[in-house]
Amino acid sequence: MPVRAAGPRPLRVLVNLLARFAVRSIDQILPLMSGLLDAPPLQPLTAVARCGTVPLTLRTFDPADARGLARLTGEPLVSRRTAR
């Protein structure tokens, strides 16, 4: 059964297109994950994409951005827990 996204129509269309063309099935992912579990990378942190390992020097992995994201997402979660 295809994945159907919830949300505004443009977002649903985008997510459904991505699901159709970019997402891999579990049958395709399991051998890759199994290989990583059987022979894990030597580095303590490794990013893996379809093409293989991804260099951690990409802006995507910027430590300052990660700390900012942790702060932005962590604060609402903490305040939500304490509000109960």
PDB file of N, CA and C in Angstrom:
ATOM      1  N   MET A   1       0.834  -1.174   0.000  1.00  0.00           N
ATOM      2  CA  MET A   1       0.000   0.000   0.000  1.00  0.00           C
ATOM      3  C   MET A   1       0.882   1.241   0.000  1.00  0.00           C
ATOM      4  N   PRO A   2       0.619   2.224  -0.852  1.00  0.00           N
ATOM      5  CA  PRO A   2       1.445   3.433  -0.927  1.00  0.00           C
ATOM      6  C   PRO A   2       1.304   4.285   0.335  1.00  0.00           C
ATOM      7  N   VAL A   3       2.344   5.042   0.640  1.00  0.00           N
ATOM      8  CA  VAL A   3       2.324   5.968   1.771  1.00  0.00           C
ATOM      9  C   VAL A   3       1.507   7.174   1.366  1.00  0.00           C
ATOM     10  N   ARG A   4       0.623   7.622   2.243  1.00  0.00           N
ATOM     11  CA  ARG A   4      -0.173   8.822   1.991  1.00  0.00           C
ATOM     12  C   ARG A   4       0.110   9.825   3.087  1.00  0.00           C
ATOM     13  N   ALA A   5       0.621  10.963   2.711  1.00  0.00           N
ATOM     14  CA  ALA A   5       0.987  11.989   3.692  1.00  0.00           C
ATOM     15  C   ALA A   5      -0.232  12.804   4.098  1.00  0.00           C
ATOM     16  N   ALA A   6      -0.211  13.276   5.337  1.00  0.00           N
ATOM     17  CA  ALA A   6      -1.240  14.191   5.826  1.00  0.00           C
ATOM     18  C   ALA A   6      -0.706  15.607   5.712  1.00  0.00           C
ATOM     19  N   GLY A   7      -1.579  16.574   5.776  1.00  0.00           N
ATOM     20  CA  GLY A   7      -1.141  17.965   5.747  1.00  0.00           C
ATOM     21  C   GLY A   7      -1.690  18.708   4.556  1.00  0.00           C
ATOM     22  N   PRO A   8      -1.237  19.954   4.369  1.00  0.00           N
ATOM     23  CA  PRO A   8      -1.718  20.765   3.242  1.00  0.00           C
ATOM     24  C   PRO A   8      -1.436  20.071   1.909  1.00  0.00           C
ATOM     25  N   ARG A   9      -2.298  20.290   0.939  1.00  0.00           N
ATOM     26  CA  ARG A   9      -2.195  19.596  -0.354  1.00  0.00           C
ATOM     27  C   ARG A   9      -0.817  19.697  -1.003  1.00  0.00           C
ATOM     28  N   PRO A  10      -0.184  20.882  -1.105  1.00  0.00           N
ATOM     29  CA  PRO A  10       1.149  20.916  -1.742  1.00  0.00           C
ATOM     30  C   PRO A  10       2.163  20.041  -1.010  1.00  0.00           C
ATOM     31  N   LEU A  11       2.093  20.033   0.303  1.00  0.00           N
ATOM     32  CA  LEU A  11       3.006  19.205   1.081  1.00  0.00           C
ATOM     33  C   LEU A  11       2.721  17.723   0.835  1.00  0.00           C
ATOM     34  N   ARG A  12       1.453  17.352   0.795  1.00  0.00           N
ATOM     35  CA  ARG A  12       1.083  15.948   0.527  1.00  0.00           C
ATOM     36  C   ARG A  12       1.608  15.504  -0.826  1.00  0.00           C
ATOM     37  N   VAL A  13       1.453  16.357  -1.833  1.00  0.00           N
ATOM     38  CA  VAL A  13       1.929  16.016  -3.174  1.00  0.00           C
ATOM     39  C   VAL A  13       3.436  15.816  -3.162  1.00  0.00           C
ATOM     40  N   LEU A  14       4.162  16.714  -2.525  1.00  0.00           N
ATOM     41  CA  LEU A  14       5.613  16.608  -2.456  1.00  0.00           C
ATOM     42  C   LEU A  14       6.044  15.338  -1.728  1.00  0.00           C
ATOM     43  N   VAL A  15       5.454  15.072  -0.569  1.00  0.00           N
ATOM     44  CA  VAL A  15       5.817  13.882   0.200  1.00  0.00           C
ATOM     45  C   VAL A  15       5.489  12.615  -0.575  1.00  0.00           C
ATOM     46  N   ASN A  16       4.346  12.581  -1.240  1.00  0.00           N
ATOM     47  CA  ASN A  16       3.983  11.399  -2.018  1.00  0.00           C
ATOM     48  C   ASN A  16       4.929  11.181  -3.197  1.00  0.00           C
ATOM     49  N   LEU A  17       5.358  12.264  -3.840  1.00  0.00           N
ATOM     50  CA  LEU A  17       6.337  12.136  -4.929  1.00  0.00           C
ATOM     51  C   LEU A  17       7.669  11.615  -4.408  1.00  0.00           C
ATOM     52  N   LEU A  18       8.114  12.172  -3.292  1.00  0.00           N
ATOM     53  CA  LEU A  18       9.359  11.691  -2.693  1.00  0.00           C
ATOM     54  C   LEU A  18       9.249  10.222  -2.297  1.00  0.00           C
ATOM     55  N   ALA A  19       8.128   9.856  -1.735  1.00  0.00           N
ATOM     56  CA  ALA A  19       7.931   8.462  -1.332  1.00  0.00           C
ATOM     57  C   ALA A  19       7.979   7.536  -2.541  1.00  0.00           C
ATOM     58  N   ARG A  20       7.450   7.987  -3.647  1.00  0.00           N
ATOM     59  CA  ARG A  20       7.417   7.142  -4.834  1.00  0.00           C
ATOM     60  C   ARG A  20       8.794   6.995  -5.477  1.00  0.00           C
ATOM     61  N   PHE A  21       9.569   8.077  -5.518  1.00  0.00           N
ATOM     62  CA  PHE A  21      10.815   8.052  -6.283  1.00  0.00           C
ATOM     63  C   PHE A  21      12.094   8.012  -5.447  1.00  0.00           C
ATOM     64  N   ALA A  22      12.039   8.429  -4.202  1.00  0.00           N
ATOM     65  CA  ALA A  22      13.275   8.524  -3.423  1.00  0.00           C
ATOM     66  C   ALA A  22      13.371   7.490  -2.310  1.00  0.00           C
ATOM     67  N   VAL A  23      12.264   6.985  -1.858  1.00  0.00           N
ATOM     68  CA  VAL A  23      12.266   6.066  -0.729  1.00  0.00           C
ATOM     69  C   VAL A  23      12.517   4.645  -1.216  1.00  0.00           C
ATOM     70  N   ARG A  24      13.302   3.920  -0.454  1.00  0.00           N
ATOM     71  CA  ARG A  24      13.581   2.521  -0.784  1.00  0.00           C
ATOM     72  C   ARG A  24      12.685   1.600   0.036  1.00  0.00           C
ATOM     73  N   SER A  25      12.403   0.458  -0.518  1.00  0.00           N
ATOM     74  CA  SER A  25      11.586  -0.516   0.203  1.00  0.00           C
ATOM     75  C   SER A  25      12.427  -1.197   1.277  1.00  0.00           C
ATOM     76  N   ILE A  26      11.766  -1.830   2.207  1.00  0.00           N
ATOM     77  CA  ILE A  26      12.458  -2.530   3.285  1.00  0.00           C
ATOM     78  C   ILE A  26      13.344  -3.639   2.718  1.00  0.00           C
ATOM     79  N   ASP A  27      12.922  -4.261   1.634  1.00  0.00           N
ATOM     80  CA  ASP A  27      13.732  -5.306   0.995  1.00  0.00           C
ATOM     81  C   ASP A  27      15.051  -4.760   0.461  1.00  0.00           C
ATOM     82  N   GLN A  28      15.072  -3.496   0.081  1.00  0.00           N
ATOM     83  CA  GLN A  28      16.301  -2.876  -0.411  1.00  0.00           C
ATOM     84  C   GLN A  28      17.177  -2.383   0.736  1.00  0.00           C
ATOM     85  N   ILE A  29      16.566  -1.960   1.820  1.00  0.00           N
ATOM     86  CA  ILE A  29      17.298  -1.385   2.944  1.00  0.00           C
ATOM     87  C   ILE A  29      17.937  -2.447   3.834  1.00  0.00           C
ATOM     88  N   LEU A  30      17.239  -3.543   4.062  1.00  0.00           N
ATOM     89  CA  LEU A  30      17.745  -4.550   4.998  1.00  0.00           C
ATOM     90  C   LEU A  30      19.153  -5.049   4.679  1.00  0.00           C
ATOM     91  N   PRO A  31      19.477  -5.400   3.438  1.00  0.00           N
ATOM     92  CA  PRO A  31      20.853  -5.836   3.172  1.00  0.00           C
ATOM     93  C   PRO A  31      21.890  -4.751   3.480  1.00  0.00           C
ATOM     94  N   LEU A  32      21.555  -3.496   3.202  1.00  0.00           N
ATOM     95  CA  LEU A  32      22.481  -2.398   3.492  1.00  0.00           C
ATOM     96  C   LEU A  32      22.684  -2.246   5.002  1.00  0.00           C
ATOM     97  N   MET A  33      21.588  -2.269   5.750  1.00  0.00           N
ATOM     98  CA  MET A  33      21.680  -2.139   7.207  1.00  0.00           C
ATOM     99  C   MET A  33      22.394  -3.347   7.808  1.00  0.00           C
ATOM    100  N   SER A  34      22.105  -4.493   7.285  1.00  0.00           N
ATOM    101  CA  SER A  34      22.738  -5.720   7.769  1.00  0.00           C
ATOM    102  C   SER A  34      24.255  -5.643   7.581  1.00  0.00           C
ATOM    103  N   GLY A  35      24.674  -5.140   6.424  1.00  0.00           N
ATOM    104  CA  GLY A  35      26.099  -4.981   6.156  1.00  0.00           C
ATOM    105  C   GLY A  35      26.762  -4.016   7.119  1.00  0.00           C
ATOM    106  N   LEU A  36      26.071  -2.920   7.451  1.00  0.00           N
ATOM    107  CA  LEU A  36      26.620  -1.952   8.403  1.00  0.00           C
ATOM    108  C   LEU A  36      26.698  -2.538   9.814  1.00  0.00           C
ATOM    109  N   LEU A  37      25.721  -3.352  10.161  1.00  0.00           N
ATOM    110  CA  LEU A  37      25.742  -3.969  11.497  1.00  0.00           C
ATOM    111  C   LEU A  37      26.810  -5.055  11.591  1.00  0.00           C
ATOM    112  N   ASP A  38      26.992  -5.814  10.518  1.00  0.00           N
ATOM    113  CA  ASP A  38      27.996  -6.883  10.513  1.00  0.00           C
ATOM    114  C   ASP A  38      29.415  -6.337  10.487  1.00  0.00           C
ATOM    115  N   ALA A  39      29.616  -5.239   9.766  1.00  0.00           N
ATOM    116  CA  ALA A  39      30.946  -4.633   9.650  1.00  0.00           C
ATOM    117  C   ALA A  39      30.805  -3.119   9.809  1.00  0.00           C
ATOM    118  N   PRO A  40      30.657  -2.643  11.043  1.00  0.00           N
ATOM    119  CA  PRO A  40      30.456  -1.210  11.248  1.00  0.00           C
ATOM    120  C   PRO A  40      31.675  -0.396  10.835  1.00  0.00           C
ATOM    121  N   PRO A  41      31.448   0.853  10.431  1.00  0.00           N
ATOM    122  CA  PRO A  41      32.568   1.731  10.077  1.00  0.00           C
ATOM    123  C   PRO A  41      33.496   1.926  11.273  1.00  0.00           C
ATOM    124  N   LEU A  42      34.745   2.198  11.007  1.00  0.00           N
ATOM    125  CA  LEU A  42      35.723   2.411  12.077  1.00  0.00           C
ATOM    126  C   LEU A  42      35.552   3.769  12.761  1.00  0.00           C
ATOM    127  N   GLN A  43      35.073   4.773  12.013  1.00  0.00           N
ATOM    128  CA  GLN A  43      34.907   6.109  12.576  1.00  0.00           C
ATOM    129  C   GLN A  43      33.771   6.102  13.603  1.00  0.00           C
ATOM    130  N   PRO A  44      33.888   6.942  14.653  1.00  0.00           N
ATOM    131  CA  PRO A  44      32.829   6.988  15.668  1.00  0.00           C
ATOM    132  C   PRO A  44      31.511   7.568  15.144  1.00  0.00           C
ATOM    133  N   LEU A  45      31.584   8.404  14.115  1.00  0.00           N
ATOM    134  CA  LEU A  45      30.383   8.976  13.504  1.00  0.00           C
ATOM    135  C   LEU A  45      30.517   8.846  12.002  1.00  0.00           C
ATOM    136  N   THR A  46      29.548   8.225  11.386  1.00  0.00           N
ATOM    137  CA  THR A  46      29.563   8.024   9.941  1.00  0.00           C
ATOM    138  C   THR A  46      28.182   8.318   9.387  1.00  0.00           C
ATOM    139  N   ALA A  47      28.118   9.059   8.302  1.00  0.00           N
ATOM    140  CA  ALA A  47      26.862   9.315   7.609  1.00  0.00           C
ATOM    141  C   ALA A  47      26.857   8.471   6.343  1.00  0.00           C
ATOM    142  N   VAL A  48      25.748   7.794   6.113  1.00  0.00           N
ATOM    143  CA  VAL A  48      25.640   6.903   4.957  1.00  0.00           C
ATOM    144  C   VAL A  48      24.434   7.321   4.136  1.00  0.00           C
ATOM    145  N   ALA A  49      24.616   7.393   2.828  1.00  0.00           N
ATOM    146  CA  ALA A  49      23.530   7.688   1.904  1.00  0.00           C
ATOM    147  C   ALA A  49      23.530   6.612   0.826  1.00  0.00           C
ATOM    148  N   ARG A  50      22.668   6.755  -0.128  1.00  0.00           N
ATOM    149  CA  ARG A  50      22.575   5.764  -1.209  1.00  0.00           C
ATOM    150  C   ARG A  50      23.904   5.529  -1.901  1.00  0.00           C
ATOM    151  N   CYS A  51      24.676   6.582  -2.058  1.00  0.00           N
ATOM    152  CA  CYS A  51      25.931   6.484  -2.808  1.00  0.00           C
ATOM    153  C   CYS A  51      27.094   5.981  -1.956  1.00  0.00           C
ATOM    154  N   GLY A  52      26.882   5.762  -0.686  1.00  0.00           N
ATOM    155  CA  GLY A  52      27.952   5.334   0.217  1.00  0.00           C
ATOM    156  C   GLY A  52      28.084   6.315   1.363  1.00  0.00           C
ATOM    157  N   THR A  53      29.292   6.433   1.895  1.00  0.00           N
ATOM    158  CA  THR A  53      29.483   7.351   3.020  1.00  0.00           C
ATOM    159  C   THR A  53      29.473   8.796   2.536  1.00  0.00           C
ATOM    160  N   VAL A  54      29.047   9.654   3.415  1.00  0.00           N
ATOM    161  CA  VAL A  54      28.945  11.079   3.117  1.00  0.00           C
ATOM    162  C   VAL A  54      29.991  11.796   3.964  1.00  0.00           C
ATOM    163  N   PRO A  55      30.759  12.717   3.374  1.00  0.00           N
ATOM    164  CA  PRO A  55      31.775  13.421   4.161  1.00  0.00           C
ATOM    165  C   PRO A  55      31.135  14.287   5.252  1.00  0.00           C
ATOM    166  N   LEU A  56      31.667  14.197   6.448  1.00  0.00           N
ATOM    167  CA  LEU A  56      31.129  14.961   7.567  1.00  0.00           C
ATOM    168  C   LEU A  56      31.539  16.429   7.507  1.00  0.00           C
ATOM    169  N   THR A  57      32.298  16.797   6.500  1.00  0.00           N
ATOM    170  CA  THR A  57      32.695  18.193   6.328  1.00  0.00           C
ATOM    171  C   THR A  57      31.607  19.008   5.632  1.00  0.00           C
ATOM    172  N   LEU A  58      30.547  18.361   5.170  1.00  0.00           N
ATOM    173  CA  LEU A  58      29.441  19.087   4.542  1.00  0.00           C
ATOM    174  C   LEU A  58      28.771  20.007   5.561  1.00  0.00           C
ATOM    175  N   ARG A  59      28.233  21.100   5.096  1.00  0.00           N
ATOM    176  CA  ARG A  59      27.560  22.060   5.972  1.00  0.00           C
ATOM    177  C   ARG A  59      26.407  21.412   6.729  1.00  0.00           C
ATOM    178  N   THR A  60      25.840  20.376   6.184  1.00  0.00           N
ATOM    179  CA  THR A  60      24.745  19.654   6.822  1.00  0.00           C
ATOM    180  C   THR A  60      25.127  19.161   8.214  1.00  0.00           C
ATOM    181  N   PHE A  61      26.410  18.877   8.426  1.00  0.00           N
ATOM    182  CA  PHE A  61      26.867  18.314   9.691  1.00  0.00           C
ATOM    183  C   PHE A  61      27.565  19.337  10.579  1.00  0.00           C
ATOM    184  N   ASP A  62      27.275  20.617  10.389  1.00  0.00           N
ATOM    185  CA  ASP A  62      27.903  21.680  11.161  1.00  0.00           C
ATOM    186  C   ASP A  62      27.526  21.563  12.644  1.00  0.00           C
ATOM    187  N   PRO A  63      28.507  21.431  13.548  1.00  0.00           N
ATOM    188  CA  PRO A  63      28.208  21.273  14.977  1.00  0.00           C
ATOM    189  C   PRO A  63      27.411  22.442  15.570  1.00  0.00           C
ATOM    190  N   ALA A  64      27.681  23.667  15.138  1.00  0.00           N
ATOM    191  CA  ALA A  64      26.945  24.819  15.668  1.00  0.00           C
ATOM    192  C   ALA A  64      25.472  24.741  15.255  1.00  0.00           C
ATOM    193  N   ASP A  65      25.215  24.340  14.020  1.00  0.00           N
ATOM    194  CA  ASP A  65      23.832  24.166  13.570  1.00  0.00           C
ATOM    195  C   ASP A  65      23.142  23.059  14.356  1.00  0.00           C
ATOM    196  N   ALA A  66      23.851  21.990  14.639  1.00  0.00           N
ATOM    197  CA  ALA A  66      23.281  20.873  15.408  1.00  0.00           C
ATOM    198  C   ALA A  66      22.917  21.321  16.822  1.00  0.00           C
ATOM    199  N   ARG A  67      23.796  22.106  17.440  1.00  0.00           N
ATOM    200  CA  ARG A  67      23.490  22.611  18.782  1.00  0.00           C
ATOM    201  C   ARG A  67      22.268  23.536  18.750  1.00  0.00           C
ATOM    202  N   GLY A  68      22.196  24.378  17.716  1.00  0.00           N
ATOM    203  CA  GLY A  68      21.043  25.270  17.583  1.00  0.00           C
ATOM    204  C   GLY A  68      19.746  24.491  17.403  1.00  0.00           C
ATOM    205  N   LEU A  69      19.785  23.457  16.581  1.00  0.00           N
ATOM    206  CA  LEU A  69      18.602  22.623  16.367  1.00  0.00           C
ATOM    207  C   LEU A  69      18.212  21.907  17.658  1.00  0.00           C
ATOM    208  N   ALA A  70      19.195  21.408  18.392  1.00  0.00           N
ATOM    209  CA  ALA A  70      18.914  20.737  19.663  1.00  0.00           C
ATOM    210  C   ALA A  70      18.261  21.703  20.640  1.00  0.00           C
ATOM    211  N   ARG A  71      18.757  22.931  20.668  1.00  0.00           N
ATOM    212  CA  ARG A  71      18.188  23.943  21.562  1.00  0.00           C
ATOM    213  C   ARG A  71      16.749  24.268  21.156  1.00  0.00           C
ATOM    214  N   LEU A  72      16.517  24.479  19.851  1.00  0.00           N
ATOM    215  CA  LEU A  72      15.185  24.843  19.376  1.00  0.00           C
ATOM    216  C   LEU A  72      14.168  23.733  19.574  1.00  0.00           C
ATOM    217  N   THR A  73      14.579  22.501  19.380  1.00  0.00           N
ATOM    218  CA  THR A  73      13.639  21.388  19.528  1.00  0.00           C
ATOM    219  C   THR A  73      13.560  20.909  20.968  1.00  0.00           C
ATOM    220  N   GLY A  74      14.626  21.059  21.724  1.00  0.00           N
ATOM    221  CA  GLY A  74      14.648  20.584  23.099  1.00  0.00           C
ATOM    222  C   GLY A  74      13.831  21.436  24.048  1.00  0.00           C
ATOM    223  N   GLU A  75      13.885  22.751  23.886  1.00  0.00           N
ATOM    224  CA  GLU A  75      13.171  23.641  24.793  1.00  0.00           C
ATOM    225  C   GLU A  75      11.660  23.397  24.774  1.00  0.00           C
ATOM    226  N   PRO A  76      11.017  23.324  23.601  1.00  0.00           N
ATOM    227  CA  PRO A  76       9.564  23.049  23.617  1.00  0.00           C
ATOM    228  C   PRO A  76       9.235  21.686  24.227  1.00  0.00           C
ATOM    229  N   LEU A  77      10.091  20.704  24.014  1.00  0.00           N
ATOM    230  CA  LEU A  77       9.834  19.386  24.582  1.00  0.00           C
ATOM    231  C   LEU A  77       9.927  19.417  26.099  1.00  0.00           C
ATOM    232  N   VAL A  78      10.934  20.110  26.624  1.00  0.00           N
ATOM    233  CA  VAL A  78      11.094  20.208  28.075  1.00  0.00           C
ATOM    234  C   VAL A  78       9.922  20.968  28.675  1.00  0.00           C
ATOM    235  N   SER A  79       9.546  22.095  28.079  1.00  0.00           N
ATOM    236  CA  SER A  79       8.439  22.885  28.630  1.00  0.00           C
ATOM    237  C   SER A  79       7.118  22.123  28.525  1.00  0.00           C
ATOM    238  N   ARG A  80       6.959  21.316  27.520  1.00  0.00           N
ATOM    239  CA  ARG A  80       5.747  20.516  27.374  1.00  0.00           C
ATOM    240  C   ARG A  80       5.670  19.455  28.471  1.00  0.00           C
ATOM    241  N   ARG A  81       6.818  18.835  28.779  1.00  0.00           N
ATOM    242  CA  ARG A  81       6.848  17.815  29.834  1.00  0.00           C
ATOM    243  C   ARG A  81       6.548  18.421  31.195  1.00  0.00           C
ATOM    244  N   THR A  82       7.097  19.587  31.454  1.00  0.00           N
ATOM    245  CA  THR A  82       6.905  20.199  32.775  1.00  0.00           C
ATOM    246  C   THR A  82       5.518  20.799  32.925  1.00  0.00           C
ATOM    247  N   ALA A  83       4.810  21.058  31.825  1.00  0.00           N
ATOM    248  CA  ALA A  83       3.473  21.649  31.872  1.00  0.00           C
ATOM    249  C   ALA A  83       2.415  20.637  32.281  1.00  0.00           C
ATOM    250  N   ARG A  84       2.731  19.365  32.210  1.00  0.00           N
ATOM    251  CA  ARG A  84       1.715  18.343  32.514  1.00  0.00           C
ATOM    252  C   ARG A  84       1.431  18.217  33.969  1.00  0.00           C
TER     253      ARG A  84
END
